[in-house]
PDB file of all heavy atoms in Angstrom:
ATOM      1  N   VAL A   1     -16.905 -25.688   5.398  1.00  0.00           N
ATOM      2  CA  VAL A   1     -17.085 -24.370   6.019  1.00  0.00           C
ATOM      3  C   VAL A   1     -15.797 -23.569   5.887  1.00  0.00           C
ATOM      4  O   VAL A   1     -15.818 -22.388   5.553  1.00  0.00           O
ATOM      5  CB  VAL A   1     -17.500 -24.506   7.501  1.00  0.00           C
ATOM      6  CG1 VAL A   1     -17.477 -23.168   8.201  1.00  0.00           C
ATOM      7  CG2 VAL A   1     -18.877 -25.134   7.599  1.00  0.00           C
ATOM      8  N   TRP A   2     -14.650 -24.236   6.128  1.00  0.00           N
ATOM      9  CA  TRP A   2     -13.362 -23.546   6.016  1.00  0.00           C
ATOM     10  C   TRP A   2     -13.140 -23.038   4.589  1.00  0.00           C
ATOM     11  O   TRP A   2     -12.729 -21.898   4.375  1.00  0.00           O
ATOM     12  CB  TRP A   2     -12.227 -24.487   6.437  1.00  0.00           C
ATOM     13  CG  TRP A   2     -10.890 -23.838   6.357  1.00  0.00           C
ATOM     14  CD1 TRP A   2      -9.886 -24.126   5.495  1.00  0.00           C
ATOM     15  CD2 TRP A   2     -10.406 -22.758   7.174  1.00  0.00           C
ATOM     16  NE1 TRP A   2      -8.811 -23.312   5.724  1.00  0.00           N
ATOM     17  CE2 TRP A   2      -9.110 -22.456   6.743  1.00  0.00           C
ATOM     18  CE3 TRP A   2     -10.958 -22.027   8.217  1.00  0.00           C
ATOM     19  CZ2 TRP A   2      -8.348 -21.451   7.321  1.00  0.00           C
ATOM     20  CZ3 TRP A   2     -10.190 -21.027   8.796  1.00  0.00           C
ATOM     21  CH2 TRP A   2      -8.908 -20.751   8.348  1.00  0.00           C
ATOM     22  N   ARG A   3     -13.432 -23.866   3.588  1.00  0.00           N
ATOM     23  CA  ARG A   3     -13.283 -23.437   2.188  1.00  0.00           C
ATOM     24  C   ARG A   3     -14.208 -22.276   1.871  1.00  0.00           C
ATOM     25  O   ARG A   3     -13.830 -21.337   1.171  1.00  0.00           O
ATOM     26  CB  ARG A   3     -13.547 -24.599   1.244  1.00  0.00           C
ATOM     27  CG  ARG A   3     -12.371 -25.539   1.089  1.00  0.00           C
ATOM     28  CD  ARG A   3     -12.550 -26.493  -0.084  1.00  0.00           C
ATOM     29  NE  ARG A   3     -13.745 -27.321   0.016  1.00  0.00           N
ATOM     30  CZ  ARG A   3     -13.799 -28.489   0.649  1.00  0.00           C
ATOM     31  NH1 ARG A   3     -12.712 -28.965   1.232  1.00  0.00           N
ATOM     32  NH2 ARG A   3     -14.914 -29.176   0.690  1.00  0.00           N
ATOM     33  N   LEU A   4     -15.418 -22.309   2.395  1.00  0.00           N
ATOM     34  CA  LEU A   4     -16.368 -21.230   2.170  1.00  0.00           C
ATOM     35  C   LEU A   4     -15.854 -19.918   2.770  1.00  0.00           C
ATOM     36  O   LEU A   4     -15.860 -18.872   2.121  1.00  0.00           O
ATOM     37  CB  LEU A   4     -17.730 -21.584   2.787  1.00  0.00           C
ATOM     38  CG  LEU A   4     -18.802 -20.508   2.764  1.00  0.00           C
ATOM     39  CD1 LEU A   4     -19.248 -20.230   1.341  1.00  0.00           C
ATOM     40  CD2 LEU A   4     -19.976 -20.913   3.620  1.00  0.00           C
ATOM     41  N   LEU A   5     -15.386 -19.991   4.021  1.00  0.00           N
ATOM     42  CA  LEU A   5     -14.916 -18.781   4.690  1.00  0.00           C
ATOM     43  C   LEU A   5     -13.652 -18.213   4.050  1.00  0.00           C
ATOM     44  O   LEU A   5     -13.539 -17.006   3.865  1.00  0.00           O
ATOM     45  CB  LEU A   5     -14.658 -19.071   6.174  1.00  0.00           C
ATOM     46  CG  LEU A   5     -15.888 -19.381   7.023  1.00  0.00           C
ATOM     47  CD1 LEU A   5     -15.459 -19.766   8.437  1.00  0.00           C
ATOM     48  CD2 LEU A   5     -16.842 -18.204   7.065  1.00  0.00           C
ATOM     49  N   THR A   6     -12.700 -19.073   3.718  1.00  0.00           N
ATOM     50  CA  THR A   6     -11.431 -18.585   3.183  1.00  0.00           C
ATOM     51  C   THR A   6     -11.499 -18.295   1.688  1.00  0.00           C
ATOM     52  O   THR A   6     -10.961 -17.282   1.234  1.00  0.00           O
ATOM     53  CB  THR A   6     -10.294 -19.584   3.449  1.00  0.00           C
ATOM     54  OG1 THR A   6     -10.622 -20.844   2.878  1.00  0.00           O
ATOM     55  CG2 THR A   6     -10.028 -19.728   4.930  1.00  0.00           C
ATOM     56  N   GLY A   7     -12.120 -19.170   0.949  1.00  0.00           N
ATOM     57  CA  GLY A   7     -12.153 -19.021  -0.503  1.00  0.00           C
ATOM     58  C   GLY A   7     -13.123 -17.968  -0.991  1.00  0.00           C
ATOM     59  O   GLY A   7     -12.745 -17.009  -1.669  1.00  0.00           O
ATOM     60  N   ARG A   8     -14.355 -18.114  -0.626  1.00  0.00           N
ATOM     61  CA  ARG A   8     -15.389 -17.206  -1.147  1.00  0.00           C
ATOM     62  C   ARG A   8     -15.502 -15.897  -0.382  1.00  0.00           C
ATOM     63  O   ARG A   8     -15.772 -14.855  -0.972  1.00  0.00           O
ATOM     64  CB  ARG A   8     -16.750 -17.891  -1.128  1.00  0.00           C
ATOM     65  CG  ARG A   8     -16.858 -18.980  -2.159  1.00  0.00           C
ATOM     66  CD  ARG A   8     -18.277 -19.368  -2.356  1.00  0.00           C
ATOM     67  NE  ARG A   8     -18.374 -20.354  -3.418  1.00  0.00           N
ATOM     68  CZ  ARG A   8     -19.511 -20.863  -3.812  1.00  0.00           C
ATOM     69  NH1 ARG A   8     -20.632 -20.500  -3.256  1.00  0.00           N
ATOM     70  NH2 ARG A   8     -19.523 -21.749  -4.782  1.00  0.00           N
ATOM     71  N   LEU A   9     -15.304 -15.949   0.930  1.00  0.00           N
ATOM     72  CA  LEU A   9     -15.484 -14.741   1.729  1.00  0.00           C
ATOM     73  C   LEU A   9     -14.183 -14.017   2.034  1.00  0.00           C
ATOM     74  O   LEU A   9     -14.194 -12.909   2.554  1.00  0.00           O
ATOM     75  CB  LEU A   9     -16.214 -15.085   3.040  1.00  0.00           C
ATOM     76  CG  LEU A   9     -17.614 -15.675   2.860  1.00  0.00           C
ATOM     77  CD1 LEU A   9     -18.211 -16.041   4.210  1.00  0.00           C
ATOM     78  CD2 LEU A   9     -18.516 -14.707   2.122  1.00  0.00           C
ATOM     79  N   GLY A  10     -13.056 -14.653   1.734  1.00  0.00           N
ATOM     80  CA  GLY A  10     -11.764 -13.999   1.911  1.00  0.00           C
ATOM     81  C   GLY A  10     -11.290 -13.893   3.349  1.00  0.00           C
ATOM     82  O   GLY A  10     -10.399 -13.110   3.649  1.00  0.00           O
ATOM     83  N   TRP A  11     -11.871 -14.674   4.245  1.00  0.00           N
ATOM     84  CA  TRP A  11     -11.432 -14.647   5.638  1.00  0.00           C
ATOM     85  C   TRP A  11     -10.074 -15.321   5.737  1.00  0.00           C
ATOM     86  O   TRP A  11      -9.689 -16.116   4.899  1.00  0.00           O
ATOM     87  CB  TRP A  11     -12.426 -15.369   6.526  1.00  0.00           C
ATOM     88  CG  TRP A  11     -13.693 -14.620   6.765  1.00  0.00           C
ATOM     89  CD1 TRP A  11     -14.221 -13.642   5.982  1.00  0.00           C
ATOM     90  CD2 TRP A  11     -14.601 -14.809   7.841  1.00  0.00           C
ATOM     91  NE1 TRP A  11     -15.402 -13.214   6.512  1.00  0.00           N
ATOM     92  CE2 TRP A  11     -15.660 -13.911   7.648  1.00  0.00           C
ATOM     93  CE3 TRP A  11     -14.619 -15.642   8.933  1.00  0.00           C
ATOM     94  CZ2 TRP A  11     -16.719 -13.832   8.533  1.00  0.00           C
ATOM     95  CZ3 TRP A  11     -15.671 -15.565   9.807  1.00  0.00           C
ATOM     96  CH2 TRP A  11     -16.712 -14.661   9.611  1.00  0.00           C
ATOM     97  N   SER A  12      -9.339 -14.992   6.818  1.00  0.00           N
ATOM     98  CA  SER A  12      -8.055 -15.647   7.062  1.00  0.00           C
ATOM     99  C   SER A  12      -7.942 -15.964   8.544  1.00  0.00           C
ATOM    100  O   SER A  12      -8.613 -15.360   9.377  1.00  0.00           O
ATOM    101  CB  SER A  12      -6.908 -14.745   6.624  1.00  0.00           C
ATOM    102  OG  SER A  12      -6.884 -13.571   7.403  1.00  0.00           O
ATOM    103  N   LEU A  13      -7.049 -16.900   8.846  1.00  0.00           N
ATOM    104  CA  LEU A  13      -6.794 -17.260  10.232  1.00  0.00           C
ATOM    105  C   LEU A  13      -6.043 -16.112  10.889  1.00  0.00           C
ATOM    106  O   LEU A  13      -5.012 -15.684  10.405  1.00  0.00           O
ATOM    107  CB  LEU A  13      -5.962 -18.542  10.294  1.00  0.00           C
ATOM    108  CG  LEU A  13      -5.591 -19.033  11.686  1.00  0.00           C
ATOM    109  CD1 LEU A  13      -6.842 -19.391  12.468  1.00  0.00           C
ATOM    110  CD2 LEU A  13      -4.683 -20.236  11.584  1.00  0.00           C
ATOM    111  N   GLN A  14      -6.577 -15.591  11.963  1.00  0.00           N
ATOM    112  CA  GLN A  14      -5.933 -14.481  12.658  1.00  0.00           C
ATOM    113  C   GLN A  14      -5.751 -14.856  14.112  1.00  0.00           C
ATOM    114  O   GLN A  14      -6.625 -15.441  14.726  1.00  0.00           O
ATOM    115  CB  GLN A  14      -6.778 -13.217  12.556  1.00  0.00           C
ATOM    116  CG  GLN A  14      -6.947 -12.753  11.133  1.00  0.00           C
ATOM    117  CD  GLN A  14      -7.791 -11.502  11.045  1.00  0.00           C
ATOM    118  OE1 GLN A  14      -8.092 -10.882  12.054  1.00  0.00           O
ATOM    119  NE2 GLN A  14      -8.173 -11.142   9.846  1.00  0.00           N
ATOM    120  N   ARG A  15      -4.619 -14.513  14.655  1.00  0.00           N
ATOM    121  CA  ARG A  15      -4.317 -14.774  16.052  1.00  0.00           C
ATOM    122  C   ARG A  15      -4.079 -13.444  16.743  1.00  0.00           C
ATOM    123  O   ARG A  15      -3.429 -12.571  16.184  1.00  0.00           O
ATOM    124  CB  ARG A  15      -3.093 -15.659  16.180  1.00  0.00           C
ATOM    125  CG  ARG A  15      -3.300 -17.015  15.541  1.00  0.00           C
ATOM    126  CD  ARG A  15      -2.049 -17.853  15.625  1.00  0.00           C
ATOM    127  NE  ARG A  15      -2.166 -19.023  14.784  1.00  0.00           N
ATOM    128  CZ  ARG A  15      -2.553 -20.206  15.227  1.00  0.00           C
ATOM    129  NH1 ARG A  15      -2.867 -20.376  16.479  1.00  0.00           N
ATOM    130  NH2 ARG A  15      -2.639 -21.231  14.404  1.00  0.00           N
ATOM    131  N   PRO A  16      -4.574 -13.291  17.962  1.00  0.00           N
ATOM    132  CA  PRO A  16      -4.380 -12.024  18.660  1.00  0.00           C
ATOM    133  C   PRO A  16      -2.910 -11.814  19.029  1.00  0.00           C
ATOM    134  O   PRO A  16      -2.153 -12.762  19.197  1.00  0.00           O
ATOM    135  CB  PRO A  16      -5.226 -12.179  19.926  1.00  0.00           C
ATOM    136  CG  PRO A  16      -5.384 -13.637  20.107  1.00  0.00           C
ATOM    137  CD  PRO A  16      -5.330 -14.250  18.741  1.00  0.00           C
ATOM    138  N   GLU A  17      -2.529 -10.551  19.144  1.00  0.00           N
ATOM    139  CA  GLU A  17      -1.186 -10.212  19.602  1.00  0.00           C
ATOM    140  C   GLU A  17      -1.021 -10.672  21.036  1.00  0.00           C
ATOM    141  O   GLU A  17      -1.991 -10.806  21.775  1.00  0.00           O
ATOM    142  CB  GLU A  17      -0.971  -8.693  19.530  1.00  0.00           C
ATOM    143  CG  GLU A  17      -0.925  -8.158  18.129  1.00  0.00           C
ATOM    144  CD  GLU A  17       0.323  -8.605  17.371  1.00  0.00           C
ATOM    145  OE1 GLU A  17       1.395  -8.731  17.999  1.00  0.00           O
ATOM    146  OE2 GLU A  17       0.201  -8.841  16.166  1.00  0.00           O
ATOM    147  N   ARG A  18       0.195 -10.888  21.455  1.00  0.00           N
ATOM    148  CA  ARG A  18       0.456 -11.325  22.821  1.00  0.00           C
ATOM    149  C   ARG A  18       0.012 -10.277  23.836  1.00  0.00           C
ATOM    150  O   ARG A  18      -0.617 -10.575  24.817  1.00  0.00           O
ATOM    151  CB  ARG A  18       1.946 -11.609  23.013  1.00  0.00           C
ATOM    152  CG  ARG A  18       2.382 -12.897  22.386  1.00  0.00           C
ATOM    153  CD  ARG A  18       1.841 -14.009  23.189  1.00  0.00           C
ATOM    154  NE  ARG A  18       2.488 -15.269  22.864  1.00  0.00           N
ATOM    155  CZ  ARG A  18       2.086 -16.398  23.356  1.00  0.00           C
ATOM    156  NH1 ARG A  18       1.070 -16.443  24.163  1.00  0.00           N
ATOM    157  NH2 ARG A  18       2.686 -17.511  23.038  1.00  0.00           N
ATOM    158  N   ARG A  19       0.364  -9.040  23.624  1.00  0.00           N
ATOM    159  CA  ARG A  19       0.017  -7.946  24.537  1.00  0.00           C
ATOM    160  C   ARG A  19      -0.558  -6.790  23.735  1.00  0.00           C
ATOM    161  O   ARG A  19      -0.101  -6.497  22.632  1.00  0.00           O
ATOM    162  CB  ARG A  19       1.271  -7.430  25.267  1.00  0.00           C
ATOM    163  CG  ARG A  19       1.955  -8.429  26.130  1.00  0.00           C
ATOM    164  CD  ARG A  19       1.219  -8.576  27.424  1.00  0.00           C
ATOM    165  NE  ARG A  19       1.880  -9.613  28.227  1.00  0.00           N
ATOM    166  CZ  ARG A  19       1.763  -9.690  29.514  1.00  0.00           C
ATOM    167  NH1 ARG A  19       1.033  -8.820  30.159  1.00  0.00           N
ATOM    168  NH2 ARG A  19       2.352 -10.646  30.173  1.00  0.00           N
ATOM    169  N   ALA A  20      -1.521  -6.111  24.308  1.00  0.00           N
ATOM    170  CA  ALA A  20      -2.095  -4.950  23.648  1.00  0.00           C
ATOM    171  C   ALA A  20      -1.065  -3.826  23.609  1.00  0.00           C
ATOM    172  O   ALA A  20      -0.293  -3.632  24.554  1.00  0.00           O
ATOM    173  CB  ALA A  20      -3.334  -4.486  24.399  1.00  0.00           C
ATOM    174  N   VAL A  21      -1.045  -3.084  22.527  1.00  0.00           N
ATOM    175  CA  VAL A  21      -0.121  -1.957  22.385  1.00  0.00           C
ATOM    176  C   VAL A  21      -0.416  -0.907  23.455  1.00  0.00           C
ATOM    177  O   VAL A  21       0.492  -0.271  23.984  1.00  0.00           O
ATOM    178  CB  VAL A  21      -0.251  -1.337  20.975  1.00  0.00           C
ATOM    179  CG1 VAL A  21       0.600  -0.107  20.838  1.00  0.00           C
ATOM    180  CG2 VAL A  21       0.118  -2.358  19.926  1.00  0.00           C
ATOM    181  N   GLU A  22      -1.693  -0.744  23.800  1.00  0.00           N
ATOM    182  CA  GLU A  22      -2.108   0.279  24.745  1.00  0.00           C
ATOM    183  C   GLU A  22      -1.859  -0.107  26.202  1.00  0.00           C
ATOM    184  O   GLU A  22      -2.141   0.663  27.102  1.00  0.00           O
ATOM    185  CB  GLU A  22      -3.605   0.585  24.586  1.00  0.00           C
ATOM    186  CG  GLU A  22      -3.995   1.037  23.199  1.00  0.00           C
ATOM    187  CD  GLU A  22      -4.275  -0.116  22.256  1.00  0.00           C
ATOM    188  OE1 GLU A  22      -4.243  -1.293  22.688  1.00  0.00           O
ATOM    189  OE2 GLU A  22      -4.518   0.167  21.073  1.00  0.00           O
ATOM    190  N   ARG A  23      -1.370  -1.298  26.455  1.00  0.00           N
ATOM    191  CA  ARG A  23      -1.176  -1.807  27.810  1.00  0.00           C
ATOM    192  C   ARG A  23      -0.261  -0.882  28.606  1.00  0.00           C
ATOM    193  O   ARG A  23       0.839  -0.560  28.183  1.00  0.00           O
ATOM    194  CB  ARG A  23      -0.589  -3.208  27.741  1.00  0.00           C
ATOM    195  CG  ARG A  23      -0.500  -3.897  29.062  1.00  0.00           C
ATOM    196  CD  ARG A  23       0.025  -5.308  28.847  1.00  0.00           C
ATOM    197  NE  ARG A  23       0.316  -5.969  30.078  1.00  0.00           N
ATOM    198  CZ  ARG A  23      -0.483  -6.833  30.688  1.00  0.00           C
ATOM    199  NH1 ARG A  23      -1.630  -7.148  30.141  1.00  0.00           N
ATOM    200  NH2 ARG A  23      -0.141  -7.391  31.815  1.00  0.00           N
ATOM    201  N   ASP A  24      -0.716  -0.475  29.789  1.00  0.00           N
ATOM    202  CA  ASP A  24       0.037   0.438  30.652  1.00  0.00           C
ATOM    203  C   ASP A  24       0.480  -0.334  31.896  1.00  0.00           C
ATOM    204  O   ASP A  24      -0.290  -0.501  32.839  1.00  0.00           O
ATOM    205  CB  ASP A  24      -0.846   1.628  31.027  1.00  0.00           C
ATOM    206  CG  ASP A  24      -0.133   2.675  31.848  1.00  0.00           C
ATOM    207  OD1 ASP A  24       1.038   2.467  32.207  1.00  0.00           O
ATOM    208  OD2 ASP A  24      -0.753   3.711  32.133  1.00  0.00           O
ATOM    209  N   GLU A  25       1.713  -0.810  31.870  1.00  0.00           N
ATOM    210  CA  GLU A  25       2.221  -1.658  32.950  1.00  0.00           C
ATOM    211  C   GLU A  25       2.183  -0.957  34.307  1.00  0.00           C
ATOM    212  O   GLU A  25       1.884  -1.578  35.320  1.00  0.00           O
ATOM    213  CB  GLU A  25       3.643  -2.121  32.634  1.00  0.00           C
ATOM    214  CG  GLU A  25       3.748  -3.023  31.426  1.00  0.00           C
ATOM    215  CD  GLU A  25       3.042  -4.360  31.591  1.00  0.00           C
ATOM    216  OE1 GLU A  25       2.876  -4.833  32.731  1.00  0.00           O
ATOM    217  OE2 GLU A  25       2.657  -4.935  30.566  1.00  0.00           O
ATOM    218  N   SER A  26       2.489   0.333  34.345  1.00  0.00           N
ATOM    219  CA  SER A  26       2.489   1.045  35.629  1.00  0.00           C
ATOM    220  C   SER A  26       1.072   1.153  36.197  1.00  0.00           C
ATOM    221  O   SER A  26       0.875   1.037  37.409  1.00  0.00           O
ATOM    222  CB  SER A  26       3.119   2.427  35.486  1.00  0.00           C
ATOM    223  OG  SER A  26       2.383   3.219  34.580  1.00  0.00           O
ATOM    224  N   GLU A  27       0.084   1.342  35.348  1.00  0.00           N
ATOM    225  CA  GLU A  27      -1.303   1.416  35.809  1.00  0.00           C
ATOM    226  C   GLU A  27      -1.785   0.055  36.299  1.00  0.00           C
ATOM    227  O   GLU A  27      -2.517  -0.042  37.281  1.00  0.00           O
ATOM    228  CB  GLU A  27      -2.208   1.930  34.688  1.00  0.00           C
ATOM    229  CG  GLU A  27      -3.650   2.040  35.059  1.00  0.00           C
ATOM    230  CD  GLU A  27      -3.937   3.022  36.211  1.00  0.00           C
ATOM    231  OE1 GLU A  27      -3.112   3.902  36.462  1.00  0.00           O
ATOM    232  OE2 GLU A  27      -4.991   2.868  36.854  1.00  0.00           O
ATOM    233  N   ILE A  28      -1.347  -0.996  35.642  1.00  0.00           N
ATOM    234  CA  ILE A  28      -1.699  -2.350  36.072  1.00  0.00           C
ATOM    235  C   ILE A  28      -1.099  -2.633  37.445  1.00  0.00           C
ATOM    236  O   ILE A  28      -1.774  -3.162  38.332  1.00  0.00           O
ATOM    237  CB  ILE A  28      -1.232  -3.387  35.032  1.00  0.00           C
ATOM    238  CG1 ILE A  28      -2.036  -3.214  33.745  1.00  0.00           C
ATOM    239  CG2 ILE A  28      -1.367  -4.808  35.569  1.00  0.00           C
ATOM    240  CD1 ILE A  28      -1.501  -3.987  32.563  1.00  0.00           C
ATOM    241  N   ALA A  29       0.160  -2.267  37.630  1.00  0.00           N
ATOM    242  CA  ALA A  29       0.823  -2.469  38.920  1.00  0.00           C
ATOM    243  C   ALA A  29       0.120  -1.678  40.025  1.00  0.00           C
ATOM    244  O   ALA A  29      -0.064  -2.176  41.139  1.00  0.00           O
ATOM    245  CB  ALA A  29       2.288  -2.069  38.825  1.00  0.00           C
ATOM    246  N   ARG A  30      -0.289  -0.441  39.719  1.00  0.00           N
ATOM    247  CA  ARG A  30      -1.006   0.384  40.693  1.00  0.00           C
ATOM    248  C   ARG A  30      -2.332  -0.264  41.064  1.00  0.00           C
ATOM    249  O   ARG A  30      -2.700  -0.359  42.233  1.00  0.00           O
ATOM    250  CB  ARG A  30      -1.268   1.796  40.143  1.00  0.00           C
ATOM    251  CG  ARG A  30      -1.899   2.732  41.185  1.00  0.00           C
ATOM    252  CD  ARG A  30      -2.698   3.858  40.556  1.00  0.00           C
ATOM    253  NE  ARG A  30      -3.818   3.429  39.734  1.00  0.00           N
ATOM    254  CZ  ARG A  30      -4.996   3.006  40.227  1.00  0.00           C
ATOM    255  NH1 ARG A  30      -5.205   2.922  41.518  1.00  0.00           N
ATOM    256  NH2 ARG A  30      -5.969   2.654  39.412  1.00  0.00           N
ATOM    257  N   TRP A  31      -3.052  -0.762  40.068  1.00  0.00           N
ATOM    258  CA  TRP A  31      -4.352  -1.385  40.308  1.00  0.00           C
ATOM    259  C   TRP A  31      -4.191  -2.622  41.192  1.00  0.00           C
ATOM    260  O   TRP A  31      -4.946  -2.822  42.133  1.00  0.00           O
ATOM    261  CB  TRP A  31      -5.002  -1.762  38.977  1.00  0.00           C
ATOM    262  CG  TRP A  31      -6.407  -2.231  39.135  1.00  0.00           C
ATOM    263  CD1 TRP A  31      -7.531  -1.470  39.133  1.00  0.00           C
ATOM    264  CD2 TRP A  31      -6.838  -3.590  39.335  1.00  0.00           C
ATOM    265  NE1 TRP A  31      -8.627  -2.269  39.318  1.00  0.00           N
ATOM    266  CE2 TRP A  31      -8.249  -3.569  39.449  1.00  0.00           C
ATOM    267  CE3 TRP A  31      -6.180  -4.795  39.433  1.00  0.00           C
ATOM    268  CZ2 TRP A  31      -8.986  -4.718  39.640  1.00  0.00           C
ATOM    269  CZ3 TRP A  31      -6.933  -5.940  39.632  1.00  0.00           C
ATOM    270  CH2 TRP A  31      -8.314  -5.891  39.731  1.00  0.00           C
ATOM    271  N   ILE A  32      -3.186  -3.435  40.884  1.00  0.00           N
ATOM    272  CA  ILE A  32      -2.956  -4.649  41.672  1.00  0.00           C
ATOM    273  C   ILE A  32      -2.598  -4.298  43.112  1.00  0.00           C
ATOM    274  O   ILE A  32      -3.040  -4.957  44.057  1.00  0.00           O
ATOM    275  CB  ILE A  32      -1.858  -5.517  41.013  1.00  0.00           C
ATOM    276  CG1 ILE A  32      -2.396  -6.120  39.720  1.00  0.00           C
ATOM    277  CG2 ILE A  32      -1.379  -6.604  41.961  1.00  0.00           C
ATOM    278  CD1 ILE A  32      -1.348  -6.826  38.867  1.00  0.00           C
ATOM    279  N   ALA A  33      -1.814  -3.248  43.287  1.00  0.00           N
ATOM    280  CA  ALA A  33      -1.362  -2.866  44.630  1.00  0.00           C
ATOM    281  C   ALA A  33      -2.464  -2.200  45.458  1.00  0.00           C
ATOM    282  O   ALA A  33      -2.537  -2.420  46.671  1.00  0.00           O
ATOM    283  CB  ALA A  33      -0.155  -1.928  44.531  1.00  0.00           C
ATOM    284  N   HIS A  34      -3.339  -1.415  44.828  1.00  0.00           N
ATOM    285  CA  HIS A  34      -4.307  -0.618  45.589  1.00  0.00           C
ATOM    286  C   HIS A  34      -5.748  -1.103  45.480  1.00  0.00           C
ATOM    287  O   HIS A  34      -6.443  -1.203  46.491  1.00  0.00           O
ATOM    288  CB  HIS A  34      -4.235   0.849  45.155  1.00  0.00           C
ATOM    289  CG  HIS A  34      -2.895   1.470  45.410  1.00  0.00           C
ATOM    290  ND1 HIS A  34      -2.438   1.739  46.668  1.00  0.00           N
ATOM    291  CD2 HIS A  34      -1.910   1.828  44.560  1.00  0.00           C
ATOM    292  CE1 HIS A  34      -1.236   2.253  46.595  1.00  0.00           C
ATOM    293  NE2 HIS A  34      -0.869   2.316  45.306  1.00  0.00           N
ATOM    294  N   GLU A  35      -6.186  -1.386  44.275  1.00  0.00           N
ATOM    295  CA  GLU A  35      -7.596  -1.734  44.064  1.00  0.00           C
ATOM    296  C   GLU A  35      -7.886  -3.204  44.369  1.00  0.00           C
ATOM    297  O   GLU A  35      -8.896  -3.521  44.985  1.00  0.00           O
ATOM    298  CB  GLU A  35      -8.018  -1.418  42.626  1.00  0.00           C
ATOM    299  CG  GLU A  35      -7.887   0.045  42.254  1.00  0.00           C
ATOM    300  CD  GLU A  35      -8.787   0.953  43.084  1.00  0.00           C
ATOM    301  OE1 GLU A  35      -9.908   0.535  43.446  1.00  0.00           O
ATOM    302  OE2 GLU A  35      -8.357   2.077  43.383  1.00  0.00           O
ATOM    303  N   TRP A  36      -7.027  -4.103  43.909  1.00  0.00           N
ATOM    304  CA  TRP A  36      -7.289  -5.523  44.083  1.00  0.00           C
ATOM    305  C   TRP A  36      -7.421  -5.925  45.556  1.00  0.00           C
ATOM    306  O   TRP A  36      -8.362  -6.634  45.902  1.00  0.00           O
ATOM    307  CB  TRP A  36      -6.235  -6.348  43.366  1.00  0.00           C
ATOM    308  CG  TRP A  36      -6.430  -7.822  43.527  1.00  0.00           C
ATOM    309  CD1 TRP A  36      -5.559  -8.689  44.072  1.00  0.00           C
ATOM    310  CD2 TRP A  36      -7.585  -8.590  43.169  1.00  0.00           C
ATOM    311  NE1 TRP A  36      -6.086  -9.953  44.064  1.00  0.00           N
ATOM    312  CE2 TRP A  36      -7.341  -9.924  43.516  1.00  0.00           C
ATOM    313  CE3 TRP A  36      -8.810  -8.284  42.582  1.00  0.00           C
ATOM    314  CZ2 TRP A  36      -8.256 -10.943  43.307  1.00  0.00           C
ATOM    315  CZ3 TRP A  36      -9.728  -9.298  42.371  1.00  0.00           C
ATOM    316  CH2 TRP A  36      -9.451 -10.608  42.732  1.00  0.00           C
ATOM    317  N   PRO A  37      -6.539  -5.472  46.465  1.00  0.00           N
ATOM    318  CA  PRO A  37      -6.723  -5.843  47.870  1.00  0.00           C
ATOM    319  C   PRO A  37      -8.061  -5.344  48.432  1.00  0.00           C
ATOM    320  O   PRO A  37      -8.706  -6.035  49.221  1.00  0.00           O
ATOM    321  CB  PRO A  37      -5.549  -5.173  48.577  1.00  0.00           C
ATOM    322  CG  PRO A  37      -4.512  -5.019  47.527  1.00  0.00           C
ATOM    323  CD  PRO A  37      -5.265  -4.780  46.252  1.00  0.00           C
ATOM    324  N   ARG A  38      -8.472  -4.146  48.005  1.00  0.00           N
ATOM    325  CA  ARG A  38      -9.752  -3.594  48.474  1.00  0.00           C
ATOM    326  C   ARG A  38     -10.905  -4.453  47.982  1.00  0.00           C
ATOM    327  O   ARG A  38     -11.832  -4.788  48.733  1.00  0.00           O
ATOM    328  CB  ARG A  38      -9.905  -2.158  47.955  1.00  0.00           C
ATOM    329  CG  ARG A  38     -11.198  -1.483  48.413  1.00  0.00           C
ATOM    330  CD  ARG A  38     -11.337  -0.088  47.835  1.00  0.00           C
ATOM    331  NE  ARG A  38     -11.311  -0.056  46.362  1.00  0.00           N
ATOM    332  CZ  ARG A  38     -12.377  -0.341  45.606  1.00  0.00           C
ATOM    333  NH1 ARG A  38     -13.518  -0.696  46.152  1.00  0.00           N
ATOM    334  NH2 ARG A  38     -12.283  -0.276  44.300  1.00  0.00           N
ATOM    335  N   ILE A  39     -10.849  -4.867  46.738  1.00  0.00           N
ATOM    336  CA  ILE A  39     -11.912  -5.707  46.162  1.00  0.00           C
ATOM    337  C   ILE A  39     -11.910  -7.085  46.829  1.00  0.00           C
ATOM    338  O   ILE A  39     -12.959  -7.631  47.153  1.00  0.00           O
ATOM    339  CB  ILE A  39     -11.712  -5.842  44.639  1.00  0.00           C
ATOM    340  CG1 ILE A  39     -11.930  -4.478  43.971  1.00  0.00           C
ATOM    341  CG2 ILE A  39     -12.634  -6.898  44.043  1.00  0.00           C
ATOM    342  CD1 ILE A  39     -11.491  -4.421  42.529  1.00  0.00           C
ATOM    343  N   LYS A  40     -10.726  -7.624  47.038  1.00  0.00           N
ATOM    344  CA  LYS A  40     -10.590  -8.949  47.621  1.00  0.00           C
ATOM    345  C   LYS A  40     -11.120  -8.991  49.057  1.00  0.00           C
ATOM    346  O   LYS A  40     -11.733  -9.982  49.486  1.00  0.00           O
ATOM    347  CB  LYS A  40      -9.125  -9.369  47.613  1.00  0.00           C
ATOM    348  CG  LYS A  40      -8.901 -10.822  47.833  1.00  0.00           C
ATOM    349  CD  LYS A  40      -7.449 -11.163  47.588  1.00  0.00           C
ATOM    350  CE  LYS A  40      -7.186 -12.613  47.862  1.00  0.00           C
ATOM    351  NZ  LYS A  40      -5.811 -12.974  47.676  1.00  0.00           N
TER     352      LYS A  40
END
């Protein structure tokens, strides 16, 4: 299966980035401080 995917179909092993480029740390902190306690 690996040979089929890599050789014939041209797939490659890909790993996700550690953090999304769009990640907004200040918005995450706000959500944790205000929304999470309300949900909890």
